[in-house]
Amino acid sequence: MGRLAGLLAAGIAYISVATVLAAGAGVAYLRQTGKLDDRKLARIVAIVDGTEPADKPAQEPQEKPKEDNEQPSYDERERIRQLQSRQLEMRELALKNSLERLQFAQSVLTEEKDRYERLKTAFEDQLAALRDGAKSTGRENVRLIWENIKPKLAKQQILQMLEVGEINEVVAILSAVPIAKRAKIVSEFKTPVETAKLDEVLRLVRQGVPEINLIDKTGAQVAAPQSERP
């Protein structure tokens, strides 16, 4: 009995060794022919050991979102139209406000210009009045001098003024001198040259110069259009 068991064990060992050798030979053959690579061999070993992970279920492809080909509804179209209309109203309102601000600025500028023109005119009038006053004062002083000096000296001053073109000043001052003193001064003009100059002075005195010049100038300014006035 013991001998039989030994023979049986030896047979089983021989079969196992033969199986292993056959498997090794098969593996060597498959490796040599390229039908069994390292990845496949590792998978076989994992299957034998029972450690191969279960195959993951194939994921179903995600459905692509369907494109919305539906036309906008009436309410949506109405809402879009109202929005566009509101935007147009806002642009028109902004343009109106800008125009009003521009008109207001133009009005302010016009008022400031008018105010400047009034100030300028008032200043020029005041300056002219001061100038006329100073001139009148100067003429009055010269008149007093001519009245209180000898007629011959007064004549010399008149000739000097005529030499520099101040004939209107001579006419204005001489016209204000009393008649008696004026006659004495006039009598000092004796040479033909002096007499010719005196004749021109007396001619202007007869014409009312320089007052007549001022009257003519004022009348021309009154008759001229506003745009042509100084």
C-alpha atoms as a PDB file:
ATOM      1  CA  MET A   1       0.000   0.000   0.000  1.00  0.00           C
ATOM      2  CA  GLY A   2       2.759   2.406   0.890  1.00  0.00           C
ATOM      3  CA  ARG A   3       4.566   1.547  -2.293  1.00  0.00           C
ATOM      4  CA  LEU A   4       1.464   2.296  -4.343  1.00  0.00           C
ATOM      5  CA  ALA A   5       1.068   5.684  -2.718  1.00  0.00           C
ATOM      6  CA  GLY A   6       4.677   6.488  -3.476  1.00  0.00           C
ATOM      7  CA  LEU A   7       4.266   5.566  -7.092  1.00  0.00           C
ATOM      8  CA  LEU A   8       1.142   7.712  -7.320  1.00  0.00           C
ATOM      9  CA  ALA A   9       2.895  10.723  -5.830  1.00  0.00           C
ATOM     10  CA  ALA A  10       5.814  10.290  -8.160  1.00  0.00           C
ATOM     11  CA  GLY A  11       3.460  10.135 -11.134  1.00  0.00           C
ATOM     12  CA  ILE A  12       1.712  13.300 -10.104  1.00  0.00           C
ATOM     13  CA  ALA A  13       5.054  15.057  -9.705  1.00  0.00           C
ATOM     14  CA  TYR A  14       6.168  13.885 -13.139  1.00  0.00           C
ATOM     15  CA  ILE A  15       2.894  15.142 -14.693  1.00  0.00           C
ATOM     16  CA  SER A  16       3.264  18.554 -12.969  1.00  0.00           C
ATOM     17  CA  VAL A  17       6.830  18.913 -14.122  1.00  0.00           C
ATOM     18  CA  ALA A  18       5.822  17.949 -17.635  1.00  0.00           C
ATOM     19  CA  THR A  19       3.002  20.463 -17.555  1.00  0.00           C
ATOM     20  CA  VAL A  20       5.307  23.225 -16.387  1.00  0.00           C
ATOM     21  CA  LEU A  21       7.860  22.324 -19.036  1.00  0.00           C
ATOM     22  CA  ALA A  22       5.173  22.261 -21.714  1.00  0.00           C
ATOM     23  CA  ALA A  23       3.848  25.621 -20.542  1.00  0.00           C
ATOM     24  CA  GLY A  24       7.355  27.064 -20.480  1.00  0.00           C
ATOM     25  CA  ALA A  25       8.014  25.751 -23.961  1.00  0.00           C
ATOM     26  CA  GLY A  26       4.713  27.248 -25.160  1.00  0.00           C
ATOM     27  CA  VAL A  27       5.532  30.594 -23.611  1.00  0.00           C
ATOM     28  CA  ALA A  28       8.987  30.550 -25.162  1.00  0.00           C
ATOM     29  CA  TYR A  29       7.499  29.740 -28.560  1.00  0.00           C
ATOM     30  CA  LEU A  30       4.886  32.496 -28.327  1.00  0.00           C
ATOM     31  CA  ARG A  31       7.485  35.030 -27.183  1.00  0.00           C
ATOM     32  CA  GLN A  32       9.764  34.028 -30.029  1.00  0.00           C
ATOM     33  CA  THR A  33       7.048  34.421 -32.648  1.00  0.00           C
ATOM     34  CA  GLY A  34       6.003  37.807 -31.221  1.00  0.00           C
ATOM     35  CA  LYS A  35       2.511  36.680 -30.306  1.00  0.00           C
ATOM     36  CA  LEU A  36       3.107  37.128 -26.587  1.00  0.00           C
ATOM     37  CA  ASP A  37       4.571  40.428 -25.401  1.00  0.00           C
ATOM     38  CA  ASP A  38       5.271  41.654 -21.883  1.00  0.00           C
ATOM     39  CA  ARG A  39       1.829  43.270 -21.468  1.00  0.00           C
ATOM     40  CA  LYS A  40      -0.028  40.100 -22.471  1.00  0.00           C
ATOM     41  CA  LEU A  41       2.230  37.935 -20.301  1.00  0.00           C
ATOM     42  CA  ALA A  42       1.590  40.160 -17.313  1.00  0.00           C
ATOM     43  CA  ARG A  43      -2.136  39.913 -17.969  1.00  0.00           C
ATOM     44  CA  ILE A  44      -1.958  36.086 -18.107  1.00  0.00           C
ATOM     45  CA  VAL A  45      -0.068  36.004 -14.812  1.00  0.00           C
ATOM     46  CA  ALA A  46      -2.630  38.344 -13.261  1.00  0.00           C
ATOM     47  CA  ILE A  47      -5.462  36.090 -14.435  1.00  0.00           C
ATOM     48  CA  VAL A  48      -3.752  33.036 -12.952  1.00  0.00           C
ATOM     49  CA  ASP A  49      -3.222  34.846  -9.660  1.00  0.00           C
ATOM     50  CA  GLY A  50      -6.798  36.201  -9.743  1.00  0.00           C
ATOM     51  CA  THR A  51      -5.645  39.859  -9.534  1.00  0.00           C
ATOM     52  CA  GLU A  52      -6.776  41.157 -12.948  1.00  0.00           C
ATOM     53  CA  PRO A  53      -9.061  44.164 -12.562  1.00  0.00           C
ATOM     54  CA  ALA A  54     -12.517  43.852 -13.967  1.00  0.00           C
ATOM     55  CA  ASP A  55     -13.051  45.469 -17.324  1.00  0.00           C
ATOM     56  CA  LYS A  56     -14.571  48.909 -17.046  1.00  0.00           C
ATOM     57  CA  PRO A  57     -17.859  49.267 -18.784  1.00  0.00           C
ATOM     58  CA  ALA A  58     -17.585  51.241 -21.911  1.00  0.00           C
ATOM     59  CA  GLN A  59     -18.814  54.738 -21.381  1.00  0.00           C
ATOM     60  CA  GLU A  60     -21.653  55.736 -23.521  1.00  0.00           C
ATOM     61  CA  PRO A  61     -20.878  58.752 -25.639  1.00  0.00           C
ATOM     62  CA  GLN A  62     -22.403  61.878 -24.237  1.00  0.00           C
ATOM     63  CA  GLU A  63     -25.148  63.245 -26.263  1.00  0.00           C
ATOM     64  CA  LYS A  64     -24.384  66.557 -27.809  1.00  0.00           C
ATOM     65  CA  PRO A  65     -26.735  69.292 -26.839  1.00  0.00           C
ATOM     66  CA  LYS A  66     -29.297  69.760 -29.409  1.00  0.00           C
ATOM     67  CA  GLU A  67     -29.058  72.954 -31.290  1.00  0.00           C
ATOM     68  CA  ASP A  68     -31.911  75.268 -30.705  1.00  0.00           C
ATOM     69  CA  ASN A  69     -33.289  75.877 -34.120  1.00  0.00           C
ATOM     70  CA  GLU A  70     -36.569  77.161 -32.834  1.00  0.00           C
ATOM     71  CA  GLN A  71     -37.610  80.665 -33.886  1.00  0.00           C
ATOM     72  CA  PRO A  72     -37.983  83.314 -31.106  1.00  0.00           C
ATOM     73  CA  SER A  73     -41.466  83.652 -29.791  1.00  0.00           C
ATOM     74  CA  TYR A  74     -43.692  86.679 -30.277  1.00  0.00           C
ATOM     75  CA  ASP A  75     -43.005  87.846 -26.696  1.00  0.00           C
ATOM     76  CA  GLU A  76     -39.256  87.648 -27.259  1.00  0.00           C
ATOM     77  CA  ARG A  77     -39.480  89.589 -30.512  1.00  0.00           C
ATOM     78  CA  GLU A  78     -41.646  92.203 -28.811  1.00  0.00           C
ATOM     79  CA  ARG A  79     -39.183  92.497 -25.935  1.00  0.00           C
ATOM     80  CA  ILE A  80     -36.289  92.962 -28.385  1.00  0.00           C
ATOM     81  CA  ARG A  81     -38.244  95.594 -30.299  1.00  0.00           C
ATOM     82  CA  GLN A  82     -39.060  97.500 -27.105  1.00  0.00           C
ATOM     83  CA  LEU A  83     -35.408  97.354 -26.031  1.00  0.00           C
ATOM     84  CA  GLN A  84     -34.244  98.730 -29.371  1.00  0.00           C
ATOM     85  CA  SER A  85     -36.886 101.466 -29.218  1.00  0.00           C
ATOM     86  CA  ARG A  86     -35.777 102.392 -25.708  1.00  0.00           C
ATOM     87  CA  GLN A  87     -32.155 102.584 -26.803  1.00  0.00           C
ATOM     88  CA  LEU A  88     -33.146 104.882 -29.671  1.00  0.00           C
ATOM     89  CA  GLU A  89     -35.089 107.117 -27.271  1.00  0.00           C
ATOM     90  CA  MET A  90     -32.084 107.312 -24.949  1.00  0.00           C
ATOM     91  CA  ARG A  91     -29.799 108.368 -27.821  1.00  0.00           C
ATOM     92  CA  GLU A  92     -32.289 111.019 -28.944  1.00  0.00           C
ATOM     93  CA  LEU A  93     -32.591 112.309 -25.375  1.00  0.00           C
ATOM     94  CA  ALA A  94     -28.803 112.500 -25.010  1.00  0.00           C
ATOM     95  CA  LEU A  95     -28.570 114.398 -28.317  1.00  0.00           C
ATOM     96  CA  LYS A  96     -31.301 116.803 -27.209  1.00  0.00           C
ATOM     97  CA  ASN A  97     -29.558 117.460 -23.897  1.00  0.00           C
ATOM     98  CA  SER A  98     -26.271 118.111 -25.686  1.00  0.00           C
ATOM     99  CA  LEU A  99     -27.982 120.558 -28.045  1.00  0.00           C
ATOM    100  CA  GLU A 100     -29.611 122.390 -25.132  1.00  0.00           C
ATOM    101  CA  ARG A 101     -26.282 122.691 -23.329  1.00  0.00           C
ATOM    102  CA  LEU A 102     -24.677 124.047 -26.516  1.00  0.00           C
ATOM    103  CA  GLN A 103     -27.449 126.616 -26.952  1.00  0.00           C
ATOM    104  CA  PHE A 104     -27.145 127.672 -23.318  1.00  0.00           C
ATOM    105  CA  ALA A 105     -23.376 128.078 -23.643  1.00  0.00           C
ATOM    106  CA  GLN A 106     -23.879 130.114 -26.820  1.00  0.00           C
ATOM    107  CA  SER A 107     -26.421 132.334 -25.047  1.00  0.00           C
ATOM    108  CA  VAL A 108     -24.038 132.915 -22.147  1.00  0.00           C
ATOM    109  CA  LEU A 109     -21.230 133.724 -24.583  1.00  0.00           C
ATOM    110  CA  THR A 110     -23.449 136.224 -26.418  1.00  0.00           C
ATOM    111  CA  GLU A 111     -24.399 137.930 -23.164  1.00  0.00           C
ATOM    112  CA  GLU A 112     -20.776 138.114 -22.094  1.00  0.00           C
ATOM    113  CA  LYS A 113     -19.821 139.583 -25.468  1.00  0.00           C
ATOM    114  CA  ASP A 114     -22.559 142.210 -25.231  1.00  0.00           C
ATOM    115  CA  ARG A 115     -21.472 143.053 -21.702  1.00  0.00           C
ATOM    116  CA  TYR A 116     -17.873 143.401 -22.859  1.00  0.00           C
ATOM    117  CA  GLU A 117     -18.920 145.652 -25.734  1.00  0.00           C
ATOM    118  CA  ARG A 118     -20.904 147.870 -23.338  1.00  0.00           C
ATOM    119  CA  LEU A 119     -17.964 148.122 -20.967  1.00  0.00           C
ATOM    120  CA  LYS A 120     -15.628 148.836 -23.860  1.00  0.00           C
ATOM    121  CA  THR A 121     -17.901 151.562 -25.218  1.00  0.00           C
ATOM    122  CA  ALA A 122     -18.310 153.132 -21.792  1.00  0.00           C
ATOM    123  CA  PHE A 123     -14.548 153.084 -21.266  1.00  0.00           C
ATOM    124  CA  GLU A 124     -13.879 154.613 -24.678  1.00  0.00           C
ATOM    125  CA  ASP A 125     -16.491 157.313 -24.045  1.00  0.00           C
ATOM    126  CA  GLN A 126     -14.954 158.083 -20.683  1.00  0.00           C
ATOM    127  CA  LEU A 127     -11.489 158.156 -22.199  1.00  0.00           C
ATOM    128  CA  ALA A 128     -12.664 160.454 -24.972  1.00  0.00           C
ATOM    129  CA  ALA A 129     -14.293 162.728 -22.416  1.00  0.00           C
ATOM    130  CA  LEU A 130     -11.069 162.861 -20.416  1.00  0.00           C
ATOM    131  CA  ARG A 131      -9.108 163.574 -23.570  1.00  0.00           C
ATOM    132  CA  ASP A 132     -11.521 166.300 -24.633  1.00  0.00           C
ATOM    133  CA  GLY A 133     -11.461 167.730 -21.140  1.00  0.00           C
ATOM    134  CA  ALA A 134      -7.695 167.770 -21.075  1.00  0.00           C
ATOM    135  CA  LYS A 135      -7.630 169.336 -24.513  1.00  0.00           C
ATOM    136  CA  SER A 136     -10.170 171.952 -23.490  1.00  0.00           C
ATOM    137  CA  THR A 137      -8.143 172.700 -20.384  1.00  0.00           C
ATOM    138  CA  GLY A 138      -5.001 173.051 -22.483  1.00  0.00           C
ATOM    139  CA  ARG A 139      -6.739 175.349 -24.954  1.00  0.00           C
ATOM    140  CA  GLU A 140      -8.110 177.415 -22.131  1.00  0.00           C
ATOM    141  CA  ASN A 141      -4.655 177.830 -20.642  1.00  0.00           C
ATOM    142  CA  VAL A 142      -3.205 178.888 -24.003  1.00  0.00           C
ATOM    143  CA  ARG A 143      -6.080 181.334 -24.499  1.00  0.00           C
ATOM    144  CA  LEU A 144      -5.366 182.949 -21.142  1.00  0.00           C
ATOM    145  CA  ILE A 145      -1.720 183.234 -22.094  1.00  0.00           C
ATOM    146  CA  TRP A 146      -2.513 184.902 -25.413  1.00  0.00           C
ATOM    147  CA  GLU A 147      -4.801 187.337 -23.672  1.00  0.00           C
ATOM    148  CA  ASN A 148      -2.148 188.342 -21.152  1.00  0.00           C
ATOM    149  CA  ILE A 149       0.971 188.570 -23.303  1.00  0.00           C
ATOM    150  CA  LYS A 150       1.917 191.011 -25.963  1.00  0.00           C
ATOM    151  CA  PRO A 151       0.201 190.479 -29.339  1.00  0.00           C
ATOM    152  CA  LYS A 152       3.586 190.010 -31.030  1.00  0.00           C
ATOM    153  CA  LEU A 153       4.472 187.082 -28.732  1.00  0.00           C
ATOM    154  CA  ALA A 154       1.027 185.575 -29.301  1.00  0.00           C
ATOM    155  CA  LYS A 155       1.609 185.811 -33.051  1.00  0.00           C
ATOM    156  CA  GLN A 156       4.919 183.967 -32.738  1.00  0.00           C
ATOM    157  CA  GLN A 157       3.239 181.136 -30.822  1.00  0.00           C
ATOM    158  CA  ILE A 158       0.552 180.923 -33.472  1.00  0.00           C
ATOM    159  CA  LEU A 159       3.146 180.682 -36.251  1.00  0.00           C
ATOM    160  CA  GLN A 160       4.971 177.914 -34.372  1.00  0.00           C
ATOM    161  CA  MET A 161       1.745 175.935 -34.023  1.00  0.00           C
ATOM    162  CA  LEU A 162       0.990 176.392 -37.708  1.00  0.00           C
ATOM    163  CA  GLU A 163       4.435 175.074 -38.611  1.00  0.00           C
ATOM    164  CA  VAL A 164       3.656 171.722 -36.924  1.00  0.00           C
ATOM    165  CA  GLY A 165       0.176 171.447 -38.473  1.00  0.00           C
ATOM    166  CA  GLU A 166      -1.907 172.479 -35.449  1.00  0.00           C
ATOM    167  CA  ILE A 167      -4.123 174.837 -37.418  1.00  0.00           C
ATOM    168  CA  ASN A 168      -7.335 173.508 -35.863  1.00  0.00           C
ATOM    169  CA  GLU A 169      -5.938 174.167 -32.387  1.00  0.00           C
ATOM    170  CA  VAL A 170      -5.014 177.714 -33.418  1.00  0.00           C
ATOM    171  CA  VAL A 171      -8.493 178.283 -34.786  1.00  0.00           C
ATOM    172  CA  ALA A 172     -10.168 176.931 -31.634  1.00  0.00           C
ATOM    173  CA  ILE A 173      -8.039 178.993 -29.250  1.00  0.00           C
ATOM    174  CA  LEU A 174      -8.113 182.188 -31.297  1.00  0.00           C
ATOM    175  CA  SER A 175     -11.903 181.926 -31.615  1.00  0.00           C
ATOM    176  CA  ALA A 176     -12.168 181.975 -27.814  1.00  0.00           C
ATOM    177  CA  VAL A 177     -10.014 185.061 -27.413  1.00  0.00           C
ATOM    178  CA  PRO A 178     -11.993 188.271 -26.867  1.00  0.00           C
ATOM    179  CA  ILE A 179     -12.498 190.338 -30.002  1.00  0.00           C
ATOM    180  CA  ALA A 180     -10.345 193.278 -28.873  1.00  0.00           C
ATOM    181  CA  LYS A 181      -7.373 191.104 -27.992  1.00  0.00           C
ATOM    182  CA  ARG A 182      -7.875 189.024 -31.136  1.00  0.00           C
ATOM    183  CA  ALA A 183      -7.736 192.145 -33.289  1.00  0.00           C
ATOM    184  CA  LYS A 184      -4.418 193.172 -31.764  1.00  0.00           C
ATOM    185  CA  ILE A 185      -2.931 189.726 -32.378  1.00  0.00           C
ATOM    186  CA  VAL A 186      -4.167 189.638 -35.976  1.00  0.00           C
ATOM    187  CA  SER A 187      -2.650 193.052 -36.661  1.00  0.00           C
ATOM    188  CA  GLU A 188       0.803 191.603 -36.002  1.00  0.00           C
ATOM    189  CA  PHE A 189       0.636 189.432 -39.170  1.00  0.00           C
ATOM    190  CA  LYS A 190       2.322 191.781 -41.690  1.00  0.00           C
ATOM    191  CA  THR A 191       4.463 189.877 -44.202  1.00  0.00           C
ATOM    192  CA  PRO A 192       2.831 188.186 -47.223  1.00  0.00           C
ATOM    193  CA  VAL A 193       3.664 184.700 -45.834  1.00  0.00           C
ATOM    194  CA  GLU A 194       2.219 185.569 -42.423  1.00  0.00           C
ATOM    195  CA  THR A 195      -0.820 187.144 -44.003  1.00  0.00           C
ATOM    196  CA  ALA A 196      -1.476 184.035 -46.116  1.00  0.00           C
ATOM    197  CA  LYS A 197      -1.365 181.821 -43.038  1.00  0.00           C
ATOM    198  CA  LEU A 198      -3.618 184.206 -41.167  1.00  0.00           C
ATOM    199  CA  ASP A 199      -6.136 184.172 -44.007  1.00  0.00           C
ATOM    200  CA  GLU A 200      -6.397 180.378 -43.777  1.00  0.00           C
ATOM    201  CA  VAL A 201      -6.917 180.585 -40.006  1.00  0.00           C
ATOM    202  CA  LEU A 202      -9.622 183.243 -40.344  1.00  0.00           C
ATOM    203  CA  ARG A 203     -11.340 181.230 -43.076  1.00  0.00           C
ATOM    204  CA  LEU A 204     -11.657 178.276 -40.738  1.00  0.00           C
ATOM    205  CA  VAL A 205     -12.856 180.580 -37.965  1.00  0.00           C
ATOM    206  CA  ARG A 206     -15.645 181.794 -40.257  1.00  0.00           C
ATOM    207  CA  GLN A 207     -16.601 178.192 -41.038  1.00  0.00           C
ATOM    208  CA  GLY A 208     -16.960 177.387 -37.358  1.00  0.00           C
ATOM    209  CA  VAL A 209     -13.985 175.015 -37.117  1.00  0.00           C
ATOM    210  CA  PRO A 210     -13.389 172.941 -35.041  1.00  0.00           C
ATOM    211  CA  GLU A 211     -16.985 172.791 -33.781  1.00  0.00           C
ATOM    212  CA  ILE A 212     -18.366 172.227 -37.268  1.00  0.00           C
ATOM    213  CA  ASN A 213     -16.008 169.249 -37.721  1.00  0.00           C
ATOM    214  CA  LEU A 214     -17.283 167.699 -34.514  1.00  0.00           C
ATOM    215  CA  ILE A 215     -20.877 168.228 -35.620  1.00  0.00           C
ATOM    216  CA  ASP A 216     -20.231 166.657 -39.029  1.00  0.00           C
ATOM    217  CA  LYS A 217     -18.471 163.675 -37.432  1.00  0.00           C
ATOM    218  CA  THR A 218     -21.300 163.099 -34.967  1.00  0.00           C
ATOM    219  CA  GLY A 219     -23.896 163.320 -37.725  1.00  0.00           C
ATOM    220  CA  ALA A 220     -21.995 160.769 -39.838  1.00  0.00           C
ATOM    221  CA  GLN A 221     -21.820 158.347 -36.914  1.00  0.00           C
ATOM    222  CA  VAL A 222     -25.541 158.672 -36.260  1.00  0.00           C
ATOM    223  CA  ALA A 223     -26.371 158.049 -39.921  1.00  0.00           C
ATOM    224  CA  ALA A 224     -23.983 155.083 -40.312  1.00  0.00           C
ATOM    225  CA  PRO A 225     -25.245 151.521 -39.736  1.00  0.00           C
ATOM    226  CA  GLN A 226     -24.527 149.959 -36.371  1.00  0.00           C
ATOM    227  CA  SER A 227     -21.964 147.544 -37.878  1.00  0.00           C
ATOM    228  CA  GLU A 228     -19.908 150.439 -39.323  1.00  0.00           C
ATOM    229  CA  ARG A 229     -19.746 152.463 -36.124  1.00  0.00           C
ATOM    230  CA  PRO A 230     -16.419 152.493 -34.242  1.00  0.00           C
END
